[in-house]
C-alpha cells in the first residue's frame, strides 16, 4: 500500500478487543433482547489498540456508575446529569491521560447512552493521533476521579507485539505501556 497505514487495521484491532472482552465482566446481570450485554455495576471496560501514531479506544460502563441510575432520564435534573456526563466522557485525554510527551490529540470522539429494559450504559469510541508514539509510556486513568461510582476498569491493550490485560481501580489507576 505504498507505505501508507491501512485505516481499517486499527478498527479490526478494536473489534477484536471488543470480541475478546465479551464476558470479561465477571459477576453480572444480562439484558434481554440482545441489545446491551452483561455488565457489573462499578466495573467498566476499556479496549485500547495502538498502531504507530494512532490510538483507538472503545469504552463501555454501566450508566449507574456515571450518573447514579440506569433508566431513561425522567426529570430535567436527570437529563442534565446525562448531558454533563456525556461532555466529560467526550474528552479521552482527560479520562485516560496518555503520556503528555507523546503529543496525543483527539481526532474522533463519540459518546452514546444506550438504555434497554431499564438498564443503561455509556459507550465511548475514540481515536487519538500522537506525534511522538514512542513516548507513550502510560495512561493515567483519571476516569476514577471524575466519576464517584466508578470502581474498576478492565483494560485490554494491543499494540505492536504487546498484549496487556490490566485490572485498574481507584488504588491502581495507572496503566504502563511497555
C-alpha atoms as a PDB file:
ATOM      1  CA  UNK A   1       0.000   0.000   0.000  1.00  0.00           C
ATOM      2  CA  UNK A   2       2.796   2.443  -0.829  1.00  0.00           C
ATOM      3  CA  UNK A   3       3.901   2.690   2.815  1.00  0.00           C
ATOM      4  CA  UNK A   4       0.515   4.011   3.919  1.00  0.00           C
ATOM      5  CA  UNK A   5      -1.117   2.841   7.130  1.00  0.00           C
ATOM      6  CA  UNK A   6      -4.268   0.834   6.483  1.00  0.00           C
ATOM      7  CA  UNK A   7      -7.004   2.760   8.380  1.00  0.00           C
ATOM      8  CA  UNK A   8      -9.047  -0.413   8.799  1.00  0.00           C
ATOM      9  CA  UNK A   9      -6.258  -2.181  10.708  1.00  0.00           C
ATOM     10  CA  UNK A  10      -6.934  -0.177  13.891  1.00  0.00           C
ATOM     11  CA  UNK A  11     -10.660  -0.752  13.508  1.00  0.00           C
ATOM     12  CA  UNK A  12     -10.052  -4.501  13.197  1.00  0.00           C
ATOM     13  CA  UNK A  13      -7.918  -4.412  16.366  1.00  0.00           C
ATOM     14  CA  UNK A  14     -10.632  -2.618  18.306  1.00  0.00           C
ATOM     15  CA  UNK A  15     -13.297  -5.033  17.048  1.00  0.00           C
ATOM     16  CA  UNK A  16     -11.080  -7.951  18.086  1.00  0.00           C
ATOM     17  CA  UNK A  17     -10.604  -6.391  21.508  1.00  0.00           C
ATOM     18  CA  UNK A  18     -14.344  -5.964  21.932  1.00  0.00           C
ATOM     19  CA  UNK A  19     -14.944  -9.582  20.987  1.00  0.00           C
ATOM     20  CA  UNK A  20     -12.242 -10.738  23.424  1.00  0.00           C
ATOM     21  CA  UNK A  21     -13.743  -8.712  26.249  1.00  0.00           C
ATOM     22  CA  UNK A  22     -17.251 -10.130  25.900  1.00  0.00           C
ATOM     23  CA  UNK A  23     -17.952 -11.951  29.096  1.00  0.00           C
ATOM     24  CA  UNK A  24     -14.919 -10.450  30.845  1.00  0.00           C
ATOM     25  CA  UNK A  25     -17.128  -8.532  33.253  1.00  0.00           C
ATOM     26  CA  UNK A  26     -17.302 -11.254  35.927  1.00  0.00           C
ATOM     27  CA  UNK A  27     -20.429 -11.334  38.121  1.00  0.00           C
ATOM     28  CA  UNK A  28     -23.085  -9.612  36.053  1.00  0.00           C
ATOM     29  CA  UNK A  29     -26.671  -9.281  35.045  1.00  0.00           C
ATOM     30  CA  UNK A  30     -27.834  -9.818  31.493  1.00  0.00           C
ATOM     31  CA  UNK A  31     -30.250  -7.785  29.466  1.00  0.00           C
ATOM     32  CA  UNK A  32     -32.925  -9.497  27.413  1.00  0.00           C
ATOM     33  CA  UNK A  33     -33.416  -8.536  23.794  1.00  0.00           C
ATOM     34  CA  UNK A  34     -29.812  -8.894  22.674  1.00  0.00           C
ATOM     35  CA  UNK A  35     -29.018  -5.156  22.782  1.00  0.00           C
ATOM     36  CA  UNK A  36     -26.945  -4.327  25.825  1.00  0.00           C
ATOM     37  CA  UNK A  37     -24.622  -7.049  27.028  1.00  0.00           C
ATOM     38  CA  UNK A  38     -23.993  -8.181  30.583  1.00  0.00           C
ATOM     39  CA  UNK A  39     -22.310  -5.748  32.946  1.00  0.00           C
ATOM     40  CA  UNK A  40     -21.338  -5.310  36.564  1.00  0.00           C
ATOM     41  CA  UNK A  41     -22.074  -2.120  38.437  1.00  0.00           C
ATOM     42  CA  UNK A  42     -18.836  -0.379  39.381  1.00  0.00           C
ATOM     43  CA  UNK A  43     -16.907  -2.025  36.514  1.00  0.00           C
ATOM     44  CA  UNK A  44     -16.252  -0.646  33.048  1.00  0.00           C
ATOM     45  CA  UNK A  45     -14.306  -1.991  30.085  1.00  0.00           C
ATOM     46  CA  UNK A  46     -11.650  -0.100  28.122  1.00  0.00           C
ATOM     47  CA  UNK A  47     -10.080  -1.552  24.977  1.00  0.00           C
ATOM     48  CA  UNK A  48      -7.021   0.197  23.527  1.00  0.00           C
ATOM     49  CA  UNK A  49      -5.326  -0.520  20.210  1.00  0.00           C
ATOM     50  CA  UNK A  50      -2.074   1.287  19.413  1.00  0.00           C
ATOM     51  CA  UNK A  51      -0.664   1.300  15.912  1.00  0.00           C
ATOM     52  CA  UNK A  52       2.203   3.618  15.054  1.00  0.00           C
ATOM     53  CA  UNK A  53       0.941   7.105  15.959  1.00  0.00           C
ATOM     54  CA  UNK A  54      -2.719   6.169  16.274  1.00  0.00           C
ATOM     55  CA  UNK A  55      -4.565   5.088  19.418  1.00  0.00           C
ATOM     56  CA  UNK A  56      -8.070   3.640  19.093  1.00  0.00           C
ATOM     57  CA  UNK A  57     -10.136   3.242  22.256  1.00  0.00           C
ATOM     58  CA  UNK A  58     -13.503   1.683  22.963  1.00  0.00           C
ATOM     59  CA  UNK A  59     -15.061   2.255  26.381  1.00  0.00           C
ATOM     60  CA  UNK A  60     -18.231   0.935  27.986  1.00  0.00           C
ATOM     61  CA  UNK A  61     -19.503   1.462  31.514  1.00  0.00           C
ATOM     62  CA  UNK A  62     -22.848   0.943  33.268  1.00  0.00           C
ATOM     63  CA  UNK A  63     -24.793   4.207  33.466  1.00  0.00           C
ATOM     64  CA  UNK A  64     -25.302   3.787  37.217  1.00  0.00           C
ATOM     65  CA  UNK A  65     -21.525   4.177  37.672  1.00  0.00           C
ATOM     66  CA  UNK A  66     -21.580   7.509  35.861  1.00  0.00           C
ATOM     67  CA  UNK A  67     -24.898   9.181  36.741  1.00  0.00           C
ATOM     68  CA  UNK A  68     -26.289   7.033  39.564  1.00  0.00           C
ATOM     69  CA  UNK A  69     -29.176   5.479  37.601  1.00  0.00           C
ATOM     70  CA  UNK A  70     -29.686   3.248  34.555  1.00  0.00           C
ATOM     71  CA  UNK A  71     -33.185   4.144  33.366  1.00  0.00           C
ATOM     72  CA  UNK A  72     -34.058   6.746  30.756  1.00  0.00           C
ATOM     73  CA  UNK A  73     -33.731  10.183  32.392  1.00  0.00           C
ATOM     74  CA  UNK A  74     -37.130  11.190  33.771  1.00  0.00           C
ATOM     75  CA  UNK A  75     -36.547  14.711  35.023  1.00  0.00           C
ATOM     76  CA  UNK A  76     -34.695  17.827  33.951  1.00  0.00           C
ATOM     77  CA  UNK A  77     -32.149  17.097  36.689  1.00  0.00           C
ATOM     78  CA  UNK A  78     -31.501  13.561  35.366  1.00  0.00           C
ATOM     79  CA  UNK A  79     -31.258  14.831  31.773  1.00  0.00           C
ATOM     80  CA  UNK A  80     -28.708  17.430  32.935  1.00  0.00           C
ATOM     81  CA  UNK A  81     -26.675  14.703  34.695  1.00  0.00           C
ATOM     82  CA  UNK A  82     -26.602  12.654  31.479  1.00  0.00           C
ATOM     83  CA  UNK A  83     -25.558  15.638  29.350  1.00  0.00           C
ATOM     84  CA  UNK A  84     -22.831  16.611  31.836  1.00  0.00           C
ATOM     85  CA  UNK A  85     -21.546  13.032  31.862  1.00  0.00           C
ATOM     86  CA  UNK A  86     -21.512  12.878  28.058  1.00  0.00           C
ATOM     87  CA  UNK A  87     -19.475  16.097  27.972  1.00  0.00           C
ATOM     88  CA  UNK A  88     -16.917  14.666  30.436  1.00  0.00           C
ATOM     89  CA  UNK A  89     -16.795  11.328  28.584  1.00  0.00           C
ATOM     90  CA  UNK A  90     -16.203  13.117  25.271  1.00  0.00           C
ATOM     91  CA  UNK A  91     -12.627  14.030  26.260  1.00  0.00           C
ATOM     92  CA  UNK A  92     -10.486  10.864  26.272  1.00  0.00           C
ATOM     93  CA  UNK A  93      -7.345  12.881  27.078  1.00  0.00           C
ATOM     94  CA  UNK A  94      -8.862  13.931  30.426  1.00  0.00           C
ATOM     95  CA  UNK A  95     -10.375  10.494  31.074  1.00  0.00           C
ATOM     96  CA  UNK A  96      -7.381   8.313  30.277  1.00  0.00           C
ATOM     97  CA  UNK A  97      -4.453  10.804  30.248  1.00  0.00           C
ATOM     98  CA  UNK A  98      -1.866   9.309  27.875  1.00  0.00           C
ATOM     99  CA  UNK A  99       1.756  10.365  28.486  1.00  0.00           C
ATOM    100  CA  UNK A 100       1.852  14.115  27.771  1.00  0.00           C
ATOM    101  CA  UNK A 101       5.205  13.770  25.980  1.00  0.00           C
ATOM    102  CA  UNK A 102       3.534  11.533  23.348  1.00  0.00           C
ATOM    103  CA  UNK A 103       1.773  14.607  21.938  1.00  0.00           C
ATOM    104  CA  UNK A 104      -1.613  12.931  21.564  1.00  0.00           C
ATOM    105  CA  UNK A 105      -4.639  14.842  20.331  1.00  0.00           C
ATOM    106  CA  UNK A 106      -8.201  13.703  19.812  1.00  0.00           C
ATOM    107  CA  UNK A 107      -9.157  13.078  16.179  1.00  0.00           C
ATOM    108  CA  UNK A 108     -12.500  11.366  16.886  1.00  0.00           C
ATOM    109  CA  UNK A 109     -14.746  11.179  19.933  1.00  0.00           C
ATOM    110  CA  UNK A 110     -18.199   9.629  20.013  1.00  0.00           C
ATOM    111  CA  UNK A 111     -20.244   9.088  23.178  1.00  0.00           C
ATOM    112  CA  UNK A 112     -23.635   7.400  23.310  1.00  0.00           C
ATOM    113  CA  UNK A 113     -26.023   6.311  26.012  1.00  0.00           C
ATOM    114  CA  UNK A 114     -27.818   3.040  25.432  1.00  0.00           C
ATOM    115  CA  UNK A 115     -30.848   2.115  27.543  1.00  0.00           C
ATOM    116  CA  UNK A 116     -32.764  -1.106  27.206  1.00  0.00           C
ATOM    117  CA  UNK A 117     -35.119  -2.960  29.561  1.00  0.00           C
ATOM    118  CA  UNK A 118     -34.429  -0.474  32.346  1.00  0.00           C
ATOM    119  CA  UNK A 119     -30.639  -0.847  32.171  1.00  0.00           C
ATOM    120  CA  UNK A 120     -28.287   1.641  30.601  1.00  0.00           C
ATOM    121  CA  UNK A 121     -24.672   2.045  29.639  1.00  0.00           C
ATOM    122  CA  UNK A 122     -22.417   4.778  28.341  1.00  0.00           C
ATOM    123  CA  UNK A 123     -20.294   3.875  25.355  1.00  0.00           C
ATOM    124  CA  UNK A 124     -17.334   5.892  24.085  1.00  0.00           C
ATOM    125  CA  UNK A 125     -15.346   5.385  20.910  1.00  0.00           C
ATOM    126  CA  UNK A 126     -12.193   7.447  20.455  1.00  0.00           C
ATOM    127  CA  UNK A 127      -9.235   7.965  18.113  1.00  0.00           C
ATOM    128  CA  UNK A 128      -6.064   9.796  19.074  1.00  0.00           C
ATOM    129  CA  UNK A 129      -3.159  10.835  16.882  1.00  0.00           C
ATOM    130  CA  UNK A 130       0.178  11.002  18.700  1.00  0.00           C
ATOM    131  CA  UNK A 131       3.158  12.910  17.287  1.00  0.00           C
ATOM    132  CA  UNK A 132       5.667  11.024  19.491  1.00  0.00           C
ATOM    133  CA  UNK A 133       4.195   7.495  19.779  1.00  0.00           C
ATOM    134  CA  UNK A 134       7.393   6.071  21.306  1.00  0.00           C
ATOM    135  CA  UNK A 135       6.910   8.426  24.253  1.00  0.00           C
ATOM    136  CA  UNK A 136       3.537   6.821  25.009  1.00  0.00           C
ATOM    137  CA  UNK A 137       4.530   5.049  28.230  1.00  0.00           C
ATOM    138  CA  UNK A 138       1.467   5.340  30.500  1.00  0.00           C
ATOM    139  CA  UNK A 139      -2.237   6.007  30.615  1.00  0.00           C
ATOM    140  CA  UNK A 140      -3.218   7.667  33.896  1.00  0.00           C
ATOM    141  CA  UNK A 141      -6.865   6.694  34.344  1.00  0.00           C
ATOM    142  CA  UNK A 142      -8.275   9.960  35.691  1.00  0.00           C
ATOM    143  CA  UNK A 143     -11.708   8.495  34.927  1.00  0.00           C
ATOM    144  CA  UNK A 144     -11.896   7.336  38.564  1.00  0.00           C
ATOM    145  CA  UNK A 145     -11.544  10.890  39.848  1.00  0.00           C
ATOM    146  CA  UNK A 146     -14.301  12.163  37.566  1.00  0.00           C
ATOM    147  CA  UNK A 147     -16.973   9.618  38.495  1.00  0.00           C
ATOM    148  CA  UNK A 148     -17.615   8.565  42.127  1.00  0.00           C
ATOM    149  CA  UNK A 149     -19.440   5.372  41.108  1.00  0.00           C
ATOM    150  CA  UNK A 150     -16.518   4.096  39.045  1.00  0.00           C
ATOM    151  CA  UNK A 151     -14.684   1.377  40.952  1.00  0.00           C
ATOM    152  CA  UNK A 152     -12.925  -0.912  38.449  1.00  0.00           C
ATOM    153  CA  UNK A 153     -11.917  -0.841  34.820  1.00  0.00           C
ATOM    154  CA  UNK A 154     -10.938  -3.937  32.845  1.00  0.00           C
ATOM    155  CA  UNK A 155      -8.375  -2.741  30.312  1.00  0.00           C
ATOM    156  CA  UNK A 156      -7.101  -4.647  27.285  1.00  0.00           C
ATOM    157  CA  UNK A 157      -4.319  -3.119  25.243  1.00  0.00           C
ATOM    158  CA  UNK A 158      -2.925  -4.339  21.933  1.00  0.00           C
ATOM    159  CA  UNK A 159      -0.036  -2.583  20.270  1.00  0.00           C
ATOM    160  CA  UNK A 160       2.681  -3.992  18.052  1.00  0.00           C
ATOM    161  CA  UNK A 161       3.725  -7.260  19.683  1.00  0.00           C
ATOM    162  CA  UNK A 162       2.263  -6.207  23.048  1.00  0.00           C
ATOM    163  CA  UNK A 163      -0.925  -7.525  24.548  1.00  0.00           C
ATOM    164  CA  UNK A 164      -1.751  -6.340  28.044  1.00  0.00           C
ATOM    165  CA  UNK A 165      -4.697  -7.166  30.257  1.00  0.00           C
ATOM    166  CA  UNK A 166      -4.951  -4.866  33.268  1.00  0.00           C
ATOM    167  CA  UNK A 167      -7.441  -4.501  36.099  1.00  0.00           C
ATOM    168  CA  UNK A 168      -7.455  -0.843  37.089  1.00  0.00           C
ATOM    169  CA  UNK A 169      -9.117   0.590  40.151  1.00  0.00           C
ATOM    170  CA  UNK A 170      -9.148   3.639  42.356  1.00  0.00           C
ATOM    171  CA  UNK A 171      -5.980   2.423  44.116  1.00  0.00           C
ATOM    172  CA  UNK A 172      -4.317   1.312  40.868  1.00  0.00           C
ATOM    173  CA  UNK A 173      -5.150   3.913  38.192  1.00  0.00           C
ATOM    174  CA  UNK A 174      -2.011   3.828  36.022  1.00  0.00           C
ATOM    175  CA  UNK A 175      -1.589   1.548  33.003  1.00  0.00           C
ATOM    176  CA  UNK A 176       2.033   1.228  31.943  1.00  0.00           C
ATOM    177  CA  UNK A 177       2.653   0.670  28.236  1.00  0.00           C
ATOM    178  CA  UNK A 178       5.828  -1.370  27.951  1.00  0.00           C
END
